[in-house]
Amino acid sequence: MAIEGIGARALRKEDKRFITGKGRYTDDMVLPGMGHAAFVRSPHAHAKVTGIDASAALAMPGVDAV
């Protein structure tokens, strides 16, 4: 007897490739001109950012924008 609805087993076609290590993730891809993003969050809730000195980050090799 099969269970239907809530609690029923969901058959997904992608599971096998991820379990066996054959899955393809966006982090595994490298495309020409591809960039990466990093976000820095404030440790202070509702704080107002009054300025950012991006000069050190922009001077680093490979940094396109801050």
PDB file of N, CA and C in Angstrom:
ATOM      1  N   MET A   1       0.845  -1.167   0.000  1.00  0.00           N
ATOM      2  CA  MET A   1       0.000   0.000   0.000  1.00  0.00           C
ATOM      3  C   MET A   1       0.899   1.241   0.000  1.00  0.00           C
ATOM      4  N   ALA A   2       0.701   2.133  -0.937  1.00  0.00           N
ATOM      5  CA  ALA A   2       1.509   3.337  -1.065  1.00  0.00           C
ATOM      6  C   ALA A   2       0.919   4.476  -0.238  1.00  0.00           C
ATOM      7  N   ILE A   3       1.810   5.271   0.330  1.00  0.00           N
ATOM      8  CA  ILE A   3       1.379   6.444   1.079  1.00  0.00           C
ATOM      9  C   ILE A   3       1.308   7.617   0.120  1.00  0.00           C
ATOM     10  N   GLU A   4       0.215   8.347   0.158  1.00  0.00           N
ATOM     11  CA  GLU A   4       0.046   9.514  -0.699  1.00  0.00           C
ATOM     12  C   GLU A   4      -0.107  10.754   0.156  1.00  0.00           C
ATOM     13  N   GLY A   5       0.374  11.886  -0.347  1.00  0.00           N
ATOM     14  CA  GLY A   5       0.192  13.143   0.366  1.00  0.00           C
ATOM     15  C   GLY A   5       1.320  13.415   1.342  1.00  0.00           C
ATOM     16  N   ILE A   6       0.984  14.012   2.485  1.00  0.00           N
ATOM     17  CA  ILE A   6       1.980  14.383   3.483  1.00  0.00           C
ATOM     18  C   ILE A   6       2.669  13.137   4.021  1.00  0.00           C
ATOM     19  N   GLY A   7       3.976  13.154   4.045  1.00  0.00           N
ATOM     20  CA  GLY A   7       4.749  12.019   4.537  1.00  0.00           C
ATOM     21  C   GLY A   7       5.094  11.005   3.466  1.00  0.00           C
ATOM     22  N   ALA A   8       4.580  11.212   2.260  1.00  0.00           N
ATOM     23  CA  ALA A   8       4.867  10.275   1.177  1.00  0.00           C
ATOM     24  C   ALA A   8       6.296  10.479   0.682  1.00  0.00           C
ATOM     25  N   ARG A   9       6.887   9.420   0.219  1.00  0.00           N
ATOM     26  CA  ARG A   9       8.229   9.487  -0.335  1.00  0.00           C
ATOM     27  C   ARG A   9       8.196  10.275  -1.640  1.00  0.00           C
ATOM     28  N   ALA A  10       9.092  11.225  -1.768  1.00  0.00           N
ATOM     29  CA  ALA A  10       9.172  12.024  -2.992  1.00  0.00           C
ATOM     30  C   ALA A  10      10.264  11.447  -3.887  1.00  0.00           C
ATOM     31  N   LEU A  11       9.900  11.041  -5.080  1.00  0.00           N
ATOM     32  CA  LEU A  11      10.876  10.520  -6.027  1.00  0.00           C
ATOM     33  C   LEU A  11      11.478  11.694  -6.792  1.00  0.00           C
ATOM     34  N   ARG A  12      12.787  11.822  -6.687  1.00  0.00           N
ATOM     35  CA  ARG A  12      13.481  12.919  -7.369  1.00  0.00           C
ATOM     36  C   ARG A  12      14.566  12.330  -8.238  1.00  0.00           C
ATOM     37  N   LYS A  13      14.644  12.811  -9.467  1.00  0.00           N
ATOM     38  CA  LYS A  13      15.613  12.252 -10.407  1.00  0.00           C
ATOM     39  C   LYS A  13      17.038  12.747 -10.164  1.00  0.00           C
ATOM     40  N   GLU A  14      17.197  13.884  -9.445  1.00  0.00           N
ATOM     41  CA  GLU A  14      18.531  14.434  -9.256  1.00  0.00           C
ATOM     42  C   GLU A  14      19.298  13.809  -8.098  1.00  0.00           C
ATOM     43  N   ASP A  15      18.640  13.115  -7.193  1.00  0.00           N
ATOM     44  CA  ASP A  15      19.293  12.596  -5.992  1.00  0.00           C
ATOM     45  C   ASP A  15      20.472  11.673  -6.279  1.00  0.00           C
ATOM     46  N   LYS A  16      20.338  10.753  -7.201  1.00  0.00           N
ATOM     47  CA  LYS A  16      21.376   9.753  -7.442  1.00  0.00           C
ATOM     48  C   LYS A  16      22.707  10.402  -7.823  1.00  0.00           C
ATOM     49  N   ARG A  17      22.678  11.408  -8.706  1.00  0.00           N
ATOM     50  CA  ARG A  17      23.938  12.008  -9.131  1.00  0.00           C
ATOM     51  C   ARG A  17      24.618  12.775  -8.001  1.00  0.00           C
ATOM     52  N   PHE A  18      23.857  13.362  -7.103  1.00  0.00           N
ATOM     53  CA  PHE A  18      24.464  14.092  -5.996  1.00  0.00           C
ATOM     54  C   PHE A  18      24.996  13.135  -4.926  1.00  0.00           C
ATOM     55  N   ILE A  19      24.305  12.059  -4.690  1.00  0.00           N
ATOM     56  CA  ILE A  19      24.738  11.070  -3.697  1.00  0.00           C
ATOM     57  C   ILE A  19      25.999  10.349  -4.162  1.00  0.00           C
ATOM     58  N   THR A  20      26.112  10.118  -5.458  1.00  0.00           N
ATOM     59  CA  THR A  20      27.262   9.390  -5.996  1.00  0.00           C
ATOM     60  C   THR A  20      28.432  10.306  -6.367  1.00  0.00           C
ATOM     61  N   GLY A  21      28.292  11.622  -6.099  1.00  0.00           N
ATOM     62  CA  GLY A  21      29.379  12.548  -6.376  1.00  0.00           C
ATOM     63  C   GLY A  21      29.480  12.984  -7.818  1.00  0.00           C
ATOM     64  N   LYS A  22      28.448  12.760  -8.602  1.00  0.00           N
ATOM     65  CA  LYS A  22      28.461  13.138 -10.008  1.00  0.00           C
ATOM     66  C   LYS A  22      27.641  14.390 -10.290  1.00  0.00           C
ATOM     67  N   GLY A  23      27.174  15.047  -9.226  1.00  0.00           N
ATOM     68  CA  GLY A  23      26.376  16.261  -9.392  1.00  0.00           C
ATOM     69  C   GLY A  23      27.226  17.422  -9.868  1.00  0.00           C
ATOM     70  N   ARG A  24      26.608  18.370 -10.535  1.00  0.00           N
ATOM     71  CA  ARG A  24      27.316  19.552 -11.030  1.00  0.00           C
ATOM     72  C   ARG A  24      26.753  20.775 -10.306  1.00  0.00           C
ATOM     73  N   TYR A  25      27.613  21.494  -9.657  1.00  0.00           N
ATOM     74  CA  TYR A  25      27.220  22.666  -8.892  1.00  0.00           C
ATOM     75  C   TYR A  25      27.739  23.926  -9.589  1.00  0.00           C
ATOM     76  N   THR A  26      27.094  25.071  -9.335  1.00  0.00           N
ATOM     77  CA  THR A  26      27.551  26.317  -9.953  1.00  0.00           C
ATOM     78  C   THR A  26      28.953  26.679  -9.469  1.00  0.00           C
ATOM     79  N   ASP A  27      29.338  26.253  -8.280  1.00  0.00           N
ATOM     80  CA  ASP A  27      30.680  26.529  -7.770  1.00  0.00           C
ATOM     81  C   ASP A  27      31.747  25.757  -8.541  1.00  0.00           C
ATOM     82  N   ASP A  28      31.364  24.703  -9.240  1.00  0.00           N
ATOM     83  CA  ASP A  28      32.302  23.903 -10.017  1.00  0.00           C
ATOM     84  C   ASP A  28      32.547  24.480 -11.415  1.00  0.00           C
ATOM     85  N   MET A  29      31.742  25.450 -11.826  1.00  0.00           N
ATOM     86  CA  MET A  29      31.841  25.995 -13.185  1.00  0.00           C
ATOM     87  C   MET A  29      32.804  27.172 -13.239  1.00  0.00           C
ATOM     88  N   VAL A  30      33.528  27.277 -14.340  1.00  0.00           N
ATOM     89  CA  VAL A  30      34.400  28.419 -14.599  1.00  0.00           C
ATOM     90  C   VAL A  30      34.102  28.883 -16.016  1.00  0.00           C
ATOM     91  N   LEU A  31      33.648  30.138 -16.127  1.00  0.00           N
ATOM     92  CA  LEU A  31      33.324  30.707 -17.424  1.00  0.00           C
ATOM     93  C   LEU A  31      34.185  31.941 -17.667  1.00  0.00           C
ATOM     94  N   PRO A  32      34.465  32.266 -18.932  1.00  0.00           N
ATOM     95  CA  PRO A  32      35.277  33.462 -19.222  1.00  0.00           C
ATOM     96  C   PRO A  32      34.592  34.717 -18.670  1.00  0.00           C
ATOM     97  N   GLY A  33      35.350  35.560 -18.007  1.00  0.00           N
ATOM     98  CA  GLY A  33      34.821  36.806 -17.467  1.00  0.00           C
ATOM     99  C   GLY A  33      33.973  36.649 -16.213  1.00  0.00           C
ATOM    100  N   MET A  34      33.942  35.447 -15.671  1.00  0.00           N
ATOM    101  CA  MET A  34      33.114  35.182 -14.504  1.00  0.00           C
ATOM    102  C   MET A  34      33.710  35.840 -13.266  1.00  0.00           C
ATOM    103  N   GLY A  35      32.855  36.399 -12.444  1.00  0.00           N
ATOM    104  CA  GLY A  35      33.289  37.025 -11.202  1.00  0.00           C
ATOM    105  C   GLY A  35      32.641  36.357 -10.004  1.00  0.00           C
ATOM    106  N   HIS A  36      33.082  36.718  -8.844  1.00  0.00           N
ATOM    107  CA  HIS A  36      32.534  36.189  -7.598  1.00  0.00           C
ATOM    108  C   HIS A  36      32.125  37.371  -6.728  1.00  0.00           C
ATOM    109  N   ALA A  37      31.185  37.143  -5.855  1.00  0.00           N
ATOM    110  CA  ALA A  37      30.723  38.205  -4.957  1.00  0.00           C
ATOM    111  C   ALA A  37      30.883  37.761  -3.513  1.00  0.00           C
ATOM    112  N   ALA A  38      31.181  38.731  -2.668  1.00  0.00           N
ATOM    113  CA  ALA A  38      31.258  38.479  -1.231  1.00  0.00           C
ATOM    114  C   ALA A  38      30.520  39.623  -0.542  1.00  0.00           C
ATOM    115  N   PHE A  39      29.784  39.306   0.493  1.00  0.00           N
ATOM    116  CA  PHE A  39      29.013  40.307   1.208  1.00  0.00           C
ATOM    117  C   PHE A  39      29.479  40.366   2.652  1.00  0.00           C
ATOM    118  N   VAL A  40      29.633  41.559   3.150  1.00  0.00           N
ATOM    119  CA  VAL A  40      30.026  41.764   4.544  1.00  0.00           C
ATOM    120  C   VAL A  40      28.836  42.391   5.253  1.00  0.00           C
ATOM    121  N   ARG A  41      28.425  41.763   6.336  1.00  0.00           N
ATOM    122  CA  ARG A  41      27.280  42.274   7.083  1.00  0.00           C
ATOM    123  C   ARG A  41      27.755  42.986   8.336  1.00  0.00           C
ATOM    124  N   SER A  42      26.996  43.964   8.726  1.00  0.00           N
ATOM    125  CA  SER A  42      27.319  44.714   9.931  1.00  0.00           C
ATOM    126  C   SER A  42      27.000  43.882  11.167  1.00  0.00           C
ATOM    127  N   PRO A  43      27.861  43.919  12.173  1.00  0.00           N
ATOM    128  CA  PRO A  43      27.548  43.215  13.421  1.00  0.00           C
ATOM    129  C   PRO A  43      26.564  44.012  14.284  1.00  0.00           C
ATOM    130  N   HIS A  44      26.183  45.184  13.812  1.00  0.00           N
ATOM    131  CA  HIS A  44      25.288  46.055  14.578  1.00  0.00           C
ATOM    132  C   HIS A  44      23.946  46.179  13.862  1.00  0.00           C
ATOM    133  N   ALA A  45      22.885  45.757  14.520  1.00  0.00           N
ATOM    134  CA  ALA A  45      21.548  45.826  13.932  1.00  0.00           C
ATOM    135  C   ALA A  45      21.125  47.277  13.740  1.00  0.00           C
ATOM    136  N   HIS A  46      20.561  47.582  12.595  1.00  0.00           N
ATOM    137  CA  HIS A  46      20.008  48.906  12.269  1.00  0.00           C
ATOM    138  C   HIS A  46      21.051  50.027  12.307  1.00  0.00           C
ATOM    139  N   ALA A  47      22.326  49.687  12.175  1.00  0.00           N
ATOM    140  CA  ALA A  47      23.377  50.703  12.165  1.00  0.00           C
ATOM    141  C   ALA A  47      23.361  51.449  10.831  1.00  0.00           C
ATOM    142  N   LYS A  48      23.727  52.690  10.866  1.00  0.00           N
ATOM    143  CA  LYS A  48      23.825  53.492   9.650  1.00  0.00           C
ATOM    144  C   LYS A  48      25.284  53.499   9.194  1.00  0.00           C
ATOM    145  N   VAL A  49      25.500  53.110   7.947  1.00  0.00           N
ATOM    146  CA  VAL A  49      26.851  53.126   7.381  1.00  0.00           C
ATOM    147  C   VAL A  49      27.115  54.550   6.923  1.00  0.00           C
ATOM    148  N   THR A  50      28.113  55.184   7.502  1.00  0.00           N
ATOM    149  CA  THR A  50      28.409  56.581   7.165  1.00  0.00           C
ATOM    150  C   THR A  50      29.533  56.702   6.146  1.00  0.00           C
ATOM    151  N   GLY A  51      30.267  55.625   5.913  1.00  0.00           N
ATOM    152  CA  GLY A  51      31.320  55.663   4.910  1.00  0.00           C
ATOM    153  C   GLY A  51      32.049  54.338   4.816  1.00  0.00           C
ATOM    154  N   ILE A  52      32.613  54.094   3.651  1.00  0.00           N
ATOM    155  CA  ILE A  52      33.368  52.866   3.411  1.00  0.00           C
ATOM    156  C   ILE A  52      34.668  53.248   2.719  1.00  0.00           C
ATOM    157  N   ASP A  53      35.792  52.805   3.265  1.00  0.00           N
ATOM    158  CA  ASP A  53      37.088  53.025   2.628  1.00  0.00           C
ATOM    159  C   ASP A  53      37.428  51.756   1.855  1.00  0.00           C
ATOM    160  N   ALA A  54      37.212  51.780   0.559  1.00  0.00           N
ATOM    161  CA  ALA A  54      37.422  50.610  -0.288  1.00  0.00           C
ATOM    162  C   ALA A  54      38.792  50.604  -0.950  1.00  0.00           C
ATOM    163  N   SER A  55      39.653  51.542  -0.630  1.00  0.00           N
ATOM    164  CA  SER A  55      40.941  51.666  -1.326  1.00  0.00           C
ATOM    165  C   SER A  55      41.822  50.427  -1.170  1.00  0.00           C
ATOM    166  N   ALA A  56      41.868  49.840   0.022  1.00  0.00           N
ATOM    167  CA  ALA A  56      42.699  48.643   0.232  1.00  0.00           C
ATOM    168  C   ALA A  56      42.161  47.457  -0.569  1.00  0.00           C
ATOM    169  N   ALA A  57      40.854  47.312  -0.608  1.00  0.00           N
ATOM    170  CA  ALA A  57      40.250  46.203  -1.352  1.00  0.00           C
ATOM    171  C   ALA A  57      40.449  46.394  -2.853  1.00  0.00           C
ATOM    172  N   LEU A  58      40.266  47.590  -3.336  1.00  0.00           N
ATOM    173  CA  LEU A  58      40.441  47.861  -4.764  1.00  0.00           C
ATOM    174  C   LEU A  58      41.888  47.695  -5.226  1.00  0.00           C
ATOM    175  N   ALA A  59      42.838  47.844  -4.308  1.00  0.00           N
ATOM    176  CA  ALA A  59      44.261  47.689  -4.647  1.00  0.00           C
ATOM    177  C   ALA A  59      44.670  46.222  -4.759  1.00  0.00           C
ATOM    178  N   MET A  60      43.846  45.312  -4.286  1.00  0.00           N
ATOM    179  CA  MET A  60      44.185  43.886  -4.329  1.00  0.00           C
ATOM    180  C   MET A  60      44.046  43.343  -5.756  1.00  0.00           C
ATOM    181  N   PRO A  61      44.921  42.413  -6.135  1.00  0.00           N
ATOM    182  CA  PRO A  61      44.831  41.843  -7.485  1.00  0.00           C
ATOM    183  C   PRO A  61      43.555  41.026  -7.659  1.00  0.00           C
ATOM    184  N   GLY A  62      42.922  41.184  -8.818  1.00  0.00           N
ATOM    185  CA  GLY A  62      41.723  40.419  -9.130  1.00  0.00           C
ATOM    186  C   GLY A  62      40.424  41.048  -8.673  1.00  0.00           C
ATOM    187  N   VAL A  63      40.483  42.137  -7.922  1.00  0.00           N
ATOM    188  CA  VAL A  63      39.266  42.793  -7.454  1.00  0.00           C
ATOM    189  C   VAL A  63      38.758  43.713  -8.552  1.00  0.00           C
ATOM    190  N   ASP A  64      37.498  43.518  -8.984  1.00  0.00           N
ATOM    191  CA  ASP A  64      36.905  44.323 -10.055  1.00  0.00           C
ATOM    192  C   ASP A  64      36.124  45.506  -9.516  1.00  0.00           C
ATOM    193  N   ALA A  65      35.433  45.315  -8.396  1.00  0.00           N
ATOM    194  CA  ALA A  65      34.573  46.384  -7.861  1.00  0.00           C
ATOM    195  C   ALA A  65      34.357  46.165  -6.373  1.00  0.00           C
ATOM    196  N   VAL A  66      34.068  47.245  -5.697  1.00  0.00           N
ATOM    197  CA  VAL A  66      33.730  47.200  -4.272  1.00  0.00           C
ATOM    198  C   VAL A  66      32.457  47.980  -4.074  1.00  0.00           C
TER     199      VAL A  66
END
